[in-house]
């Protein structure tokens, strides 16, 4: 029979969460290896991407969100007049 699973301490849980956030698991020759996640050049690509790039990458939700924001901004400007 298998033994009971130990509970992690608070420090161990924090370390595990940080390690999972910083690394990912890949398979090399049928074995699991832990490697660092690739560094994203831009954290929020949606904020700086142009409409053509968003369209090519089928990010319709970002396009629609931007359109809704511009419509709300225009309606707020018209009310302020």
C-alpha atoms as a PDB file:
ATOM      1  CA  UNK A   1       0.000   0.000   0.000  1.00  0.00           C
ATOM      2  CA  UNK A   2       1.132   3.503  -0.727  1.00  0.00           C
ATOM      3  CA  UNK A   3       1.896   5.866   2.106  1.00  0.00           C
ATOM      4  CA  UNK A   4       0.091   9.105   2.752  1.00  0.00           C
ATOM      5  CA  UNK A   5       1.015  12.145   0.765  1.00  0.00           C
ATOM      6  CA  UNK A   6       2.693  14.863   2.844  1.00  0.00           C
ATOM      7  CA  UNK A   7       1.290  18.375   2.847  1.00  0.00           C
ATOM      8  CA  UNK A   8       3.637  21.092   1.642  1.00  0.00           C
ATOM      9  CA  UNK A   9       4.640  23.947   3.896  1.00  0.00           C
ATOM     10  CA  UNK A  10       3.825  27.518   2.942  1.00  0.00           C
ATOM     11  CA  UNK A  11       7.387  28.148   1.770  1.00  0.00           C
ATOM     12  CA  UNK A  12       7.348  24.973  -0.321  1.00  0.00           C
ATOM     13  CA  UNK A  13       4.044  25.945  -1.944  1.00  0.00           C
ATOM     14  CA  UNK A  14       5.421  29.387  -2.812  1.00  0.00           C
ATOM     15  CA  UNK A  15       8.574  27.844  -4.271  1.00  0.00           C
ATOM     16  CA  UNK A  16       6.532  25.355  -6.304  1.00  0.00           C
ATOM     17  CA  UNK A  17       4.273  28.112  -7.684  1.00  0.00           C
ATOM     18  CA  UNK A  18       7.261  30.278  -8.640  1.00  0.00           C
ATOM     19  CA  UNK A  19       9.037  27.320 -10.283  1.00  0.00           C
ATOM     20  CA  UNK A  20       5.930  26.412 -12.284  1.00  0.00           C
ATOM     21  CA  UNK A  21       5.523  30.019 -13.394  1.00  0.00           C
ATOM     22  CA  UNK A  22       9.159  30.337 -14.517  1.00  0.00           C
ATOM     23  CA  UNK A  23       9.594  26.921 -16.156  1.00  0.00           C
ATOM     24  CA  UNK A  24       7.759  24.470 -18.368  1.00  0.00           C
ATOM     25  CA  UNK A  25       8.114  20.746 -18.954  1.00  0.00           C
ATOM     26  CA  UNK A  26       9.101  19.397 -22.364  1.00  0.00           C
ATOM     27  CA  UNK A  27       9.866  15.894 -23.576  1.00  0.00           C
ATOM     28  CA  UNK A  28      13.362  15.081 -24.843  1.00  0.00           C
ATOM     29  CA  UNK A  29      14.025  11.497 -25.975  1.00  0.00           C
ATOM     30  CA  UNK A  30      10.907  10.332 -24.163  1.00  0.00           C
ATOM     31  CA  UNK A  31      11.929  11.893 -20.851  1.00  0.00           C
ATOM     32  CA  UNK A  32      10.539  14.957 -19.123  1.00  0.00           C
ATOM     33  CA  UNK A  33      12.863  17.947 -18.819  1.00  0.00           C
ATOM     34  CA  UNK A  34      12.194  21.203 -17.047  1.00  0.00           C
ATOM     35  CA  UNK A  35      13.306  24.265 -19.048  1.00  0.00           C
ATOM     36  CA  UNK A  36      12.855  27.980 -18.560  1.00  0.00           C
ATOM     37  CA  UNK A  37       9.913  29.527 -20.360  1.00  0.00           C
ATOM     38  CA  UNK A  38      10.869  31.648 -23.371  1.00  0.00           C
ATOM     39  CA  UNK A  39      11.036  35.318 -22.509  1.00  0.00           C
ATOM     40  CA  UNK A  40       8.188  37.246 -24.111  1.00  0.00           C
ATOM     41  CA  UNK A  41       9.446  40.323 -25.890  1.00  0.00           C
ATOM     42  CA  UNK A  42       6.181  42.089 -25.226  1.00  0.00           C
ATOM     43  CA  UNK A  43       4.031  41.230 -22.244  1.00  0.00           C
ATOM     44  CA  UNK A  44       0.775  42.499 -23.724  1.00  0.00           C
ATOM     45  CA  UNK A  45       1.058  42.136 -27.469  1.00  0.00           C
ATOM     46  CA  UNK A  46      -2.611  43.062 -27.856  1.00  0.00           C
ATOM     47  CA  UNK A  47      -1.887  46.582 -26.621  1.00  0.00           C
ATOM     48  CA  UNK A  48       0.754  47.357 -29.237  1.00  0.00           C
ATOM     49  CA  UNK A  49      -0.363  45.233 -32.196  1.00  0.00           C
ATOM     50  CA  UNK A  50      -1.936  46.886 -35.225  1.00  0.00           C
ATOM     51  CA  UNK A  51      -5.253  45.773 -36.691  1.00  0.00           C
ATOM     52  CA  UNK A  52      -3.671  43.918 -39.618  1.00  0.00           C
ATOM     53  CA  UNK A  53      -1.561  41.747 -37.313  1.00  0.00           C
ATOM     54  CA  UNK A  54      -4.552  41.036 -35.089  1.00  0.00           C
ATOM     55  CA  UNK A  55      -6.598  40.069 -38.150  1.00  0.00           C
ATOM     56  CA  UNK A  56      -3.862  37.776 -39.514  1.00  0.00           C
ATOM     57  CA  UNK A  57      -3.623  36.009 -36.159  1.00  0.00           C
ATOM     58  CA  UNK A  58      -7.417  35.786 -35.809  1.00  0.00           C
ATOM     59  CA  UNK A  59      -7.592  37.739 -32.562  1.00  0.00           C
ATOM     60  CA  UNK A  60     -11.155  38.875 -33.191  1.00  0.00           C
ATOM     61  CA  UNK A  61     -11.981  39.426 -29.520  1.00  0.00           C
ATOM     62  CA  UNK A  62      -9.241  42.052 -29.220  1.00  0.00           C
ATOM     63  CA  UNK A  63     -10.413  43.803 -32.392  1.00  0.00           C
ATOM     64  CA  UNK A  64     -14.030  43.907 -31.181  1.00  0.00           C
ATOM     65  CA  UNK A  65     -12.950  45.144 -27.738  1.00  0.00           C
ATOM     66  CA  UNK A  66     -10.985  47.986 -29.351  1.00  0.00           C
ATOM     67  CA  UNK A  67     -13.953  48.934 -31.540  1.00  0.00           C
ATOM     68  CA  UNK A  68     -16.235  49.007 -28.494  1.00  0.00           C
ATOM     69  CA  UNK A  69     -13.767  51.227 -26.631  1.00  0.00           C
ATOM     70  CA  UNK A  70     -13.559  53.693 -29.509  1.00  0.00           C
ATOM     71  CA  UNK A  71     -17.366  53.779 -29.783  1.00  0.00           C
ATOM     72  CA  UNK A  72     -17.669  54.460 -26.037  1.00  0.00           C
ATOM     73  CA  UNK A  73     -15.013  57.177 -26.200  1.00  0.00           C
ATOM     74  CA  UNK A  74     -16.787  58.847 -29.127  1.00  0.00           C
ATOM     75  CA  UNK A  75     -20.137  58.773 -27.334  1.00  0.00           C
ATOM     76  CA  UNK A  76     -18.530  60.219 -24.183  1.00  0.00           C
ATOM     77  CA  UNK A  77     -16.969  63.030 -26.223  1.00  0.00           C
ATOM     78  CA  UNK A  78     -20.319  63.852 -27.874  1.00  0.00           C
ATOM     79  CA  UNK A  79     -22.072  63.997 -24.485  1.00  0.00           C
ATOM     80  CA  UNK A  80     -19.436  66.380 -23.167  1.00  0.00           C
ATOM     81  CA  UNK A  81     -20.173  68.975 -25.873  1.00  0.00           C
END
